[in-house]
């Protein structure tokens, strides 16, 4: 089974702009594509859960965990607007990046959540990089878990240039237990 996303697009013949109406779909070999949600939903930045049964996505202040067979939706609310997110293999920990107003080069922040304790930490504030604006600039932090969940990595501009941050997950977990 493949997870794929419908994107806004322009019809090459008519020039009409077609908006997203139902973003998340699956397709299996020899079958027709089918939407995950019974009622059309717009969301973004999706990824597979390690269990192969759920897909994750974000919308507004939420990260959604959706059962790809039933469409059942679990909503995890962030205290901030969520641009991108990612989860640990077991789904207990989440990371997201956020901004108050999106534009290329906008100021962003990165957050970590322990779903079991309900605690959320702000890891960093990235200053705006207005000098990097333009169509080729895309430095959103896009945080994610890596190395068997031992680290969270994301792009950063905290030192005044584009860079990569690596944060040990155990340090973050320790801060959410207190």
N, C-alpha and C. Protein backbone atom coordinates (compact mmCIF):
# COMPACT_ATOMS: atom_id res chain seq x y z
N UNK A 1 0.84 -1.18 0.00
CA UNK A 1 0.00 0.00 0.00
C UNK A 1 0.89 1.24 0.00
N UNK A 2 0.51 2.22 -0.78
CA UNK A 2 1.24 3.48 -0.88
C UNK A 2 0.35 4.60 -0.37
N UNK A 3 0.93 5.47 0.44
CA UNK A 3 0.26 6.68 0.91
C UNK A 3 0.65 7.80 -0.04
N UNK A 4 -0.33 8.55 -0.53
CA UNK A 4 0.02 9.70 -1.36
C UNK A 4 -0.92 10.85 -1.08
N UNK A 5 -0.50 12.03 -1.50
CA UNK A 5 -1.23 13.25 -1.18
C UNK A 5 -1.65 13.97 -2.45
N UNK A 6 -2.90 14.42 -2.46
CA UNK A 6 -3.36 15.29 -3.54
C UNK A 6 -2.84 16.69 -3.24
N UNK A 7 -2.32 17.36 -4.23
CA UNK A 7 -1.79 18.72 -4.07
C UNK A 7 -2.64 19.71 -4.84
N UNK A 8 -2.60 20.96 -4.42
CA UNK A 8 -3.14 22.02 -5.27
C UNK A 8 -2.39 21.93 -6.60
N UNK A 9 -3.09 22.11 -7.69
CA UNK A 9 -2.42 22.07 -8.98
C UNK A 9 -3.20 22.88 -10.01
N UNK A 10 -2.51 23.19 -11.10
CA UNK A 10 -3.12 23.93 -12.19
C UNK A 10 -3.30 22.99 -13.37
N UNK A 11 -4.51 22.94 -13.92
CA UNK A 11 -4.79 22.13 -15.10
C UNK A 11 -4.00 22.72 -16.28
N UNK A 12 -3.17 21.90 -16.90
CA UNK A 12 -2.30 22.39 -17.97
C UNK A 12 -3.07 22.83 -19.21
N UNK A 13 -4.25 22.30 -19.43
CA UNK A 13 -5.03 22.66 -20.62
C UNK A 13 -5.89 23.90 -20.36
N UNK A 14 -6.60 23.91 -19.24
CA UNK A 14 -7.54 25.02 -18.98
C UNK A 14 -6.91 26.17 -18.21
N UNK A 15 -5.82 25.89 -17.49
CA UNK A 15 -5.21 26.92 -16.64
C UNK A 15 -5.94 27.11 -15.32
N UNK A 16 -7.00 26.33 -15.08
CA UNK A 16 -7.74 26.46 -13.83
C UNK A 16 -6.93 25.90 -12.67
N UNK A 17 -6.96 26.62 -11.55
CA UNK A 17 -6.28 26.16 -10.34
C UNK A 17 -7.22 25.24 -9.58
N UNK A 18 -6.79 24.01 -9.32
CA UNK A 18 -7.60 23.00 -8.64
C UNK A 18 -7.11 22.93 -7.18
N UNK A 19 -7.97 23.31 -6.22
CA UNK A 19 -7.55 23.27 -4.81
C UNK A 19 -7.61 21.84 -4.26
N UNK A 20 -6.89 21.63 -3.17
CA UNK A 20 -6.96 20.35 -2.46
C UNK A 20 -8.38 20.20 -1.92
N UNK A 21 -8.98 19.04 -2.14
CA UNK A 21 -10.29 18.77 -1.56
C UNK A 21 -10.24 17.61 -0.57
N UNK A 22 -9.36 16.67 -0.80
CA UNK A 22 -9.21 15.54 0.11
C UNK A 22 -7.77 15.06 -0.05
N UNK A 23 -6.89 15.48 0.80
CA UNK A 23 -5.46 15.32 0.58
C UNK A 23 -4.96 13.87 0.67
N UNK A 24 -5.34 13.11 1.68
CA UNK A 24 -4.70 11.82 1.92
C UNK A 24 -5.41 10.66 1.24
N UNK A 25 -4.65 9.87 0.50
CA UNK A 25 -5.15 8.72 -0.25
C UNK A 25 -4.18 7.55 -0.09
N UNK A 26 -4.70 6.36 -0.32
CA UNK A 26 -3.85 5.17 -0.42
C UNK A 26 -4.17 4.48 -1.73
N UNK A 27 -3.22 3.68 -2.19
CA UNK A 27 -3.44 2.83 -3.35
C UNK A 27 -2.63 1.56 -3.16
N UNK A 28 -3.24 0.46 -3.52
CA UNK A 28 -2.56 -0.84 -3.47
C UNK A 28 -2.49 -1.39 -4.89
N UNK A 29 -1.56 -2.26 -5.13
CA UNK A 29 -1.35 -2.84 -6.45
C UNK A 29 -2.65 -3.42 -7.01
N UNK A 30 -3.02 -3.00 -8.21
CA UNK A 30 -4.21 -3.52 -8.87
C UNK A 30 -5.52 -2.94 -8.39
N UNK A 31 -5.48 -1.95 -7.49
CA UNK A 31 -6.70 -1.37 -6.96
C UNK A 31 -6.79 0.11 -7.31
N UNK A 32 -7.97 0.66 -7.20
CA UNK A 32 -8.18 2.09 -7.42
C UNK A 32 -7.74 2.86 -6.17
N UNK A 33 -7.31 4.10 -6.33
CA UNK A 33 -6.98 4.91 -5.16
C UNK A 33 -8.24 5.13 -4.32
N UNK A 34 -8.02 5.25 -3.00
CA UNK A 34 -9.16 5.56 -2.14
C UNK A 34 -8.73 6.56 -1.08
N UNK A 35 -9.62 7.51 -0.77
CA UNK A 35 -9.28 8.50 0.25
C UNK A 35 -9.28 7.86 1.64
N UNK A 36 -8.44 8.36 2.51
CA UNK A 36 -8.40 7.86 3.89
C UNK A 36 -9.64 8.33 4.65
N UNK A 37 -10.04 9.57 4.43
CA UNK A 37 -11.15 10.15 5.17
C UNK A 37 -12.45 10.03 4.38
N UNK A 38 -13.50 9.60 5.07
CA UNK A 38 -14.82 9.51 4.43
C UNK A 38 -15.30 10.90 4.02
N UNK A 39 -15.16 11.87 4.93
CA UNK A 39 -15.49 13.27 4.61
C UNK A 39 -14.19 13.96 4.21
N UNK A 40 -14.18 14.65 3.07
CA UNK A 40 -12.93 15.29 2.61
C UNK A 40 -12.32 16.17 3.68
N UNK A 41 -11.01 16.05 3.82
CA UNK A 41 -10.24 16.85 4.78
C UNK A 41 -8.98 17.38 4.11
N UNK A 42 -8.65 18.60 4.45
CA UNK A 42 -7.40 19.19 3.98
C UNK A 42 -6.41 19.11 5.14
N UNK A 43 -5.24 18.61 4.87
CA UNK A 43 -4.18 18.53 5.86
C UNK A 43 -2.86 18.62 5.11
N UNK A 44 -1.76 18.46 5.78
CA UNK A 44 -0.47 18.54 5.07
C UNK A 44 0.60 17.74 5.80
N UNK A 45 1.70 17.61 5.14
CA UNK A 45 2.93 17.02 5.67
C UNK A 45 2.71 15.68 6.35
N UNK A 46 2.33 14.71 5.56
CA UNK A 46 1.95 13.39 6.03
C UNK A 46 3.14 12.43 6.07
N UNK A 47 3.01 11.39 6.91
CA UNK A 47 4.00 10.32 6.97
C UNK A 47 3.34 9.07 7.53
N UNK A 48 3.94 7.93 7.22
CA UNK A 48 3.46 6.64 7.73
C UNK A 48 3.83 6.45 9.18
N UNK A 49 2.95 5.84 9.95
CA UNK A 49 3.26 5.36 11.28
C UNK A 49 4.06 4.07 11.12
N UNK A 50 4.91 3.76 12.07
CA UNK A 50 5.70 2.53 12.02
C UNK A 50 4.82 1.28 12.02
N UNK A 51 3.57 1.39 12.50
CA UNK A 51 2.70 0.21 12.53
C UNK A 51 2.13 -0.15 11.16
N UNK A 52 2.28 0.72 10.17
CA UNK A 52 1.78 0.44 8.82
C UNK A 52 0.26 0.51 8.71
N UNK A 53 -0.42 0.89 9.77
CA UNK A 53 -1.87 0.96 9.79
C UNK A 53 -2.35 2.41 9.86
N UNK A 54 -1.50 3.30 10.33
CA UNK A 54 -1.87 4.69 10.52
C UNK A 54 -0.98 5.61 9.67
N UNK A 55 -1.57 6.72 9.28
CA UNK A 55 -0.84 7.81 8.64
C UNK A 55 -0.99 9.04 9.51
N UNK A 56 0.05 9.83 9.58
CA UNK A 56 0.04 11.06 10.36
C UNK A 56 0.00 12.24 9.40
N UNK A 57 -0.55 13.36 9.87
CA UNK A 57 -0.56 14.60 9.10
C UNK A 57 -0.77 15.75 10.07
N UNK A 58 -0.68 16.97 9.56
CA UNK A 58 -0.88 18.15 10.40
C UNK A 58 -1.92 19.07 9.76
N UNK A 59 -2.59 19.82 10.63
CA UNK A 59 -3.50 20.86 10.17
C UNK A 59 -3.75 21.83 11.31
N UNK A 60 -3.42 23.08 11.11
CA UNK A 60 -3.63 24.10 12.15
C UNK A 60 -2.81 23.78 13.38
N UNK A 61 -3.46 23.72 14.53
CA UNK A 61 -2.78 23.40 15.78
C UNK A 61 -2.78 21.91 16.08
N UNK A 62 -3.12 21.10 15.09
CA UNK A 62 -3.27 19.66 15.32
C UNK A 62 -2.26 18.83 14.55
N UNK A 63 -1.93 17.70 15.15
CA UNK A 63 -1.32 16.59 14.44
C UNK A 63 -2.36 15.48 14.48
N UNK A 64 -2.62 14.88 13.32
CA UNK A 64 -3.63 13.84 13.23
C UNK A 64 -2.97 12.49 13.00
N UNK A 65 -3.49 11.47 13.68
CA UNK A 65 -3.10 10.07 13.45
C UNK A 65 -4.35 9.37 12.95
N UNK A 66 -4.30 8.92 11.68
CA UNK A 66 -5.48 8.38 11.01
C UNK A 66 -5.29 6.91 10.68
N UNK A 67 -6.30 6.11 10.97
CA UNK A 67 -6.29 4.71 10.57
C UNK A 67 -6.61 4.67 9.07
N UNK A 68 -5.70 4.12 8.25
CA UNK A 68 -5.88 4.15 6.80
C UNK A 68 -6.98 3.21 6.33
N UNK A 69 -7.40 2.27 7.16
CA UNK A 69 -8.48 1.36 6.79
C UNK A 69 -9.85 1.91 7.17
N UNK A 70 -9.96 2.47 8.38
CA UNK A 70 -11.26 2.89 8.89
C UNK A 70 -11.50 4.40 8.79
N UNK A 71 -10.43 5.17 8.61
CA UNK A 71 -10.56 6.63 8.60
C UNK A 71 -10.66 7.24 9.98
N UNK A 72 -10.64 6.39 11.02
CA UNK A 72 -10.72 6.89 12.40
C UNK A 72 -9.57 7.86 12.64
N UNK A 73 -9.89 9.00 13.23
CA UNK A 73 -8.93 10.09 13.40
C UNK A 73 -8.67 10.36 14.88
N UNK A 74 -7.40 10.34 15.27
CA UNK A 74 -6.99 10.76 16.61
C UNK A 74 -6.35 12.13 16.46
N UNK A 75 -6.84 13.08 17.23
CA UNK A 75 -6.39 14.47 17.14
C UNK A 75 -5.49 14.79 18.33
N UNK A 76 -4.27 15.23 18.05
CA UNK A 76 -3.33 15.64 19.09
C UNK A 76 -3.12 17.14 18.93
N UNK A 77 -3.51 17.90 19.95
CA UNK A 77 -3.47 19.36 19.85
C UNK A 77 -2.15 19.91 20.38
N UNK A 78 -1.57 20.84 19.63
CA UNK A 78 -0.38 21.58 20.03
C UNK A 78 -0.80 22.94 20.57
N UNK A 79 0.02 23.56 21.43
CA UNK A 79 -0.29 24.91 21.89
C UNK A 79 0.11 25.97 20.85
N UNK A 80 0.63 25.53 19.71
CA UNK A 80 1.10 26.44 18.65
C UNK A 80 0.58 25.95 17.30
N UNK A 81 0.61 26.83 16.31
CA UNK A 81 0.26 26.45 14.95
C UNK A 81 1.35 25.50 14.42
N UNK A 82 0.95 24.39 13.88
CA UNK A 82 1.88 23.33 13.48
C UNK A 82 2.10 23.36 11.96
N UNK A 83 3.35 23.58 11.53
CA UNK A 83 3.68 23.53 10.11
C UNK A 83 4.02 22.11 9.67
N UNK A 84 4.92 21.47 10.40
CA UNK A 84 5.38 20.10 10.11
C UNK A 84 5.50 19.37 11.43
N UNK A 85 5.39 18.07 11.39
CA UNK A 85 5.54 17.28 12.61
C UNK A 85 6.12 15.91 12.26
N UNK A 86 6.50 15.19 13.29
CA UNK A 86 7.00 13.82 13.15
C UNK A 86 6.85 13.14 14.49
N UNK A 87 6.81 11.80 14.49
CA UNK A 87 6.62 11.06 15.73
C UNK A 87 7.73 10.03 15.92
N UNK A 88 7.92 9.64 17.18
CA UNK A 88 8.81 8.53 17.48
C UNK A 88 8.16 7.24 16.98
N UNK A 89 8.93 6.17 16.90
CA UNK A 89 8.41 4.90 16.39
C UNK A 89 7.18 4.44 17.17
N UNK A 90 7.19 4.62 18.49
CA UNK A 90 6.05 4.17 19.30
C UNK A 90 4.93 5.21 19.37
N UNK A 91 5.12 6.39 18.78
CA UNK A 91 4.09 7.43 18.76
C UNK A 91 3.94 8.21 20.05
N UNK A 92 4.76 7.92 21.05
CA UNK A 92 4.63 8.63 22.33
C UNK A 92 5.13 10.07 22.21
N UNK A 93 6.21 10.27 21.48
CA UNK A 93 6.84 11.59 21.38
C UNK A 93 6.58 12.19 20.00
N UNK A 94 6.34 13.50 20.01
CA UNK A 94 6.14 14.24 18.77
C UNK A 94 7.05 15.46 18.76
N UNK A 95 7.42 15.88 17.58
CA UNK A 95 8.11 17.15 17.38
C UNK A 95 7.35 17.92 16.30
N UNK A 96 7.39 19.24 16.39
CA UNK A 96 6.77 20.06 15.34
C UNK A 96 7.54 21.36 15.20
N UNK A 97 7.36 22.01 14.06
CA UNK A 97 7.85 23.38 13.92
C UNK A 97 6.63 24.27 13.74
N UNK A 98 6.81 25.55 14.05
CA UNK A 98 5.68 26.46 14.12
C UNK A 98 6.09 27.86 13.72
N UNK A 99 5.11 28.63 13.30
CA UNK A 99 5.29 30.06 13.05
C UNK A 99 3.97 30.76 13.27
N UNK A 100 4.03 32.05 13.53
CA UNK A 100 2.79 32.81 13.68
C UNK A 100 2.23 33.24 12.33
N UNK A 101 3.11 33.45 11.35
CA UNK A 101 2.69 33.84 10.01
C UNK A 101 3.72 33.31 9.02
N UNK A 102 3.28 32.44 8.10
CA UNK A 102 4.22 31.82 7.18
C UNK A 102 4.55 32.72 5.99
N UNK A 103 5.82 32.84 5.71
CA UNK A 103 6.36 33.39 4.48
C UNK A 103 7.76 32.83 4.38
N UNK A 104 8.32 32.81 3.20
CA UNK A 104 9.68 32.27 3.04
C UNK A 104 10.65 33.10 3.86
N UNK A 105 11.34 32.44 4.78
CA UNK A 105 12.29 33.12 5.66
C UNK A 105 11.70 33.57 6.98
N UNK A 106 10.46 33.16 7.29
CA UNK A 106 9.80 33.61 8.52
C UNK A 106 10.49 33.03 9.76
N UNK A 107 10.26 33.69 10.88
CA UNK A 107 10.74 33.16 12.16
C UNK A 107 9.94 31.90 12.48
N UNK A 108 10.63 30.90 13.04
CA UNK A 108 9.98 29.65 13.41
C UNK A 108 10.44 29.21 14.79
N UNK A 109 9.75 28.23 15.33
CA UNK A 109 10.16 27.61 16.58
C UNK A 109 9.99 26.11 16.43
N UNK A 110 10.68 25.34 17.29
CA UNK A 110 10.60 23.88 17.27
C UNK A 110 10.15 23.43 18.65
N UNK A 111 9.22 22.45 18.69
CA UNK A 111 8.63 21.99 19.93
C UNK A 111 8.68 20.47 20.03
N UNK A 112 8.71 19.97 21.26
CA UNK A 112 8.74 18.54 21.56
C UNK A 112 7.58 18.24 22.50
N UNK A 113 6.88 17.14 22.27
CA UNK A 113 5.74 16.77 23.12
C UNK A 113 5.88 15.32 23.59
N UNK A 114 5.62 15.10 24.86
CA UNK A 114 5.49 13.76 25.42
C UNK A 114 4.00 13.53 25.59
N UNK A 115 3.41 12.69 24.76
CA UNK A 115 1.97 12.47 24.79
C UNK A 115 1.51 11.82 26.09
N UNK A 116 2.39 11.05 26.73
CA UNK A 116 2.01 10.37 27.97
C UNK A 116 1.90 11.34 29.13
N UNK A 117 2.86 12.27 29.25
CA UNK A 117 2.81 13.23 30.35
C UNK A 117 2.01 14.47 29.99
N UNK A 118 1.80 14.70 28.69
CA UNK A 118 1.07 15.88 28.24
C UNK A 118 1.91 17.14 28.20
N UNK A 119 3.21 17.01 28.45
CA UNK A 119 4.08 18.19 28.48
C UNK A 119 4.66 18.49 27.10
N UNK A 120 4.75 19.79 26.81
CA UNK A 120 5.34 20.27 25.56
C UNK A 120 6.46 21.24 25.90
N UNK A 121 7.59 21.09 25.21
CA UNK A 121 8.74 21.98 25.39
C UNK A 121 9.01 22.76 24.13
N UNK A 122 9.40 24.01 24.27
CA UNK A 122 9.92 24.74 23.13
C UNK A 122 11.43 24.50 23.11
N UNK A 123 11.93 23.97 22.00
CA UNK A 123 13.36 23.69 21.91
C UNK A 123 14.15 24.91 21.48
N UNK A 124 13.59 25.69 20.56
CA UNK A 124 14.37 26.79 20.00
C UNK A 124 13.47 27.76 19.27
N UNK A 125 13.87 29.01 19.24
CA UNK A 125 13.26 30.03 18.38
C UNK A 125 14.28 30.38 17.30
N UNK A 126 13.84 30.31 16.06
CA UNK A 126 14.70 30.70 14.94
C UNK A 126 14.33 32.11 14.52
N UNK A 127 15.31 32.98 14.38
CA UNK A 127 15.00 34.33 13.92
C UNK A 127 14.57 34.30 12.44
N UNK A 128 13.86 35.34 12.04
CA UNK A 128 13.51 35.48 10.63
C UNK A 128 14.79 35.67 9.82
N UNK A 129 14.80 35.14 8.63
CA UNK A 129 15.94 35.30 7.71
C UNK A 129 15.42 35.96 6.43
N UNK A 130 14.98 37.20 6.57
CA UNK A 130 14.37 37.91 5.44
C UNK A 130 15.33 38.03 4.25
N UNK A 131 16.62 37.98 4.50
CA UNK A 131 17.59 38.06 3.41
C UNK A 131 17.64 36.77 2.59
N UNK A 132 16.97 35.70 3.04
CA UNK A 132 16.92 34.43 2.31
C UNK A 132 15.61 34.23 1.57
N UNK A 133 14.74 35.24 1.60
CA UNK A 133 13.43 35.06 0.99
C UNK A 133 13.55 34.88 -0.51
N UNK A 134 12.55 34.25 -1.08
CA UNK A 134 12.52 34.03 -2.52
C UNK A 134 12.00 32.64 -2.84
N UNK A 135 11.78 32.37 -4.10
CA UNK A 135 11.16 31.11 -4.50
C UNK A 135 12.02 29.90 -4.25
N UNK A 136 13.32 30.05 -4.15
CA UNK A 136 14.20 28.89 -3.93
C UNK A 136 14.52 28.65 -2.47
N UNK A 137 14.00 29.49 -1.59
CA UNK A 137 14.31 29.37 -0.17
C UNK A 137 13.24 28.56 0.54
N UNK A 138 13.64 27.54 1.25
CA UNK A 138 12.69 26.72 2.01
C UNK A 138 13.44 26.13 3.20
N UNK A 139 13.60 26.89 4.25
CA UNK A 139 14.42 26.45 5.39
C UNK A 139 13.56 26.10 6.60
N UNK A 140 12.29 25.76 6.37
CA UNK A 140 11.47 25.32 7.49
C UNK A 140 12.24 24.24 8.26
N UNK A 141 12.17 24.24 9.58
CA UNK A 141 12.96 23.28 10.35
C UNK A 141 12.67 21.81 10.06
N UNK A 142 11.42 21.45 9.73
CA UNK A 142 11.07 20.05 9.43
C UNK A 142 11.69 19.09 10.43
N UNK A 143 11.39 19.21 11.73
CA UNK A 143 12.01 18.32 12.72
C UNK A 143 11.57 16.88 12.53
N UNK A 144 12.48 15.95 12.82
CA UNK A 144 12.12 14.53 12.77
C UNK A 144 13.02 13.72 13.69
N UNK A 145 12.49 12.57 14.06
CA UNK A 145 13.25 11.62 14.87
C UNK A 145 14.12 10.80 13.93
N UNK A 146 15.34 10.48 14.38
CA UNK A 146 16.22 9.65 13.55
C UNK A 146 17.08 8.76 14.45
N UNK A 147 17.85 7.90 13.83
CA UNK A 147 18.77 7.01 14.54
C UNK A 147 18.05 6.22 15.63
N UNK A 148 16.99 5.50 15.22
CA UNK A 148 16.19 4.72 16.16
C UNK A 148 15.64 5.58 17.30
N UNK A 149 15.22 6.78 16.96
CA UNK A 149 14.62 7.74 17.90
C UNK A 149 15.61 8.28 18.93
N UNK A 150 16.89 8.06 18.73
CA UNK A 150 17.88 8.57 19.68
C UNK A 150 18.09 10.06 19.54
N UNK A 151 17.74 10.63 18.38
CA UNK A 151 17.95 12.07 18.15
C UNK A 151 16.76 12.69 17.44
N UNK A 152 16.62 13.99 17.67
CA UNK A 152 15.72 14.82 16.88
C UNK A 152 16.62 15.74 16.06
N UNK A 153 16.37 15.82 14.78
CA UNK A 153 17.17 16.70 13.92
C UNK A 153 16.23 17.69 13.23
N UNK A 154 16.77 18.87 12.94
CA UNK A 154 16.01 19.89 12.21
C UNK A 154 16.99 20.93 11.68
N UNK A 155 16.54 21.65 10.65
CA UNK A 155 17.36 22.75 10.16
C UNK A 155 17.16 23.94 11.08
N UNK A 156 18.17 24.76 11.14
CA UNK A 156 18.14 25.91 12.05
C UNK A 156 18.86 27.10 11.42
N UNK A 157 18.48 28.28 11.88
CA UNK A 157 19.16 29.51 11.47
C UNK A 157 19.63 30.29 12.70
N UNK A 158 19.67 29.62 13.84
CA UNK A 158 19.95 30.30 15.10
C UNK A 158 21.33 30.97 15.13
N UNK A 159 22.28 30.47 14.33
CA UNK A 159 23.62 31.08 14.29
C UNK A 159 23.77 32.03 13.11
N UNK A 160 22.64 32.45 12.53
CA UNK A 160 22.67 33.43 11.46
C UNK A 160 22.94 32.85 10.08
N UNK A 161 22.92 31.55 9.98
CA UNK A 161 23.11 30.88 8.69
C UNK A 161 22.33 29.56 8.74
N UNK A 162 22.12 28.97 7.59
CA UNK A 162 21.43 27.69 7.53
C UNK A 162 22.34 26.61 8.10
N UNK A 163 21.82 25.83 9.03
CA UNK A 163 22.61 24.84 9.75
C UNK A 163 21.69 23.66 10.11
N UNK A 164 22.24 22.62 10.72
CA UNK A 164 21.47 21.47 11.18
C UNK A 164 21.69 21.31 12.67
N UNK A 165 20.61 21.08 13.40
CA UNK A 165 20.68 20.83 14.84
C UNK A 165 20.38 19.36 15.10
N UNK A 166 21.10 18.78 16.03
CA UNK A 166 20.88 17.39 16.47
C UNK A 166 20.74 17.45 17.99
N UNK A 167 19.58 16.98 18.49
CA UNK A 167 19.30 17.02 19.92
C UNK A 167 19.05 15.60 20.40
N UNK A 168 19.77 15.13 21.42
CA UNK A 168 19.50 13.79 21.95
C UNK A 168 18.09 13.71 22.53
N UNK A 169 17.33 12.73 22.09
CA UNK A 169 15.94 12.56 22.54
C UNK A 169 15.88 12.35 24.05
N UNK A 170 16.85 11.63 24.62
CA UNK A 170 16.81 11.37 26.07
C UNK A 170 16.85 12.67 26.87
N UNK A 171 17.54 13.68 26.38
CA UNK A 171 17.55 14.98 27.07
C UNK A 171 16.16 15.59 27.10
N UNK A 172 15.43 15.48 26.00
CA UNK A 172 14.08 16.04 25.91
C UNK A 172 13.11 15.25 26.78
N UNK A 173 13.22 13.94 26.75
CA UNK A 173 12.35 13.09 27.56
C UNK A 173 12.54 13.43 29.04
N UNK A 174 13.78 13.59 29.46
CA UNK A 174 14.06 13.94 30.85
C UNK A 174 13.39 15.23 31.28
N UNK A 175 13.30 16.20 30.38
CA UNK A 175 12.68 17.48 30.70
C UNK A 175 11.15 17.40 30.75
N UNK A 176 10.57 16.38 30.15
CA UNK A 176 9.11 16.25 30.17
C UNK A 176 8.62 15.36 31.31
N UNK A 177 9.54 14.74 32.03
CA UNK A 177 9.16 13.88 33.15
C UNK A 177 9.01 14.67 34.44
N UNK A 178 9.71 15.79 34.53
CA UNK A 178 9.72 16.58 35.78
C UNK A 178 8.42 17.33 35.99
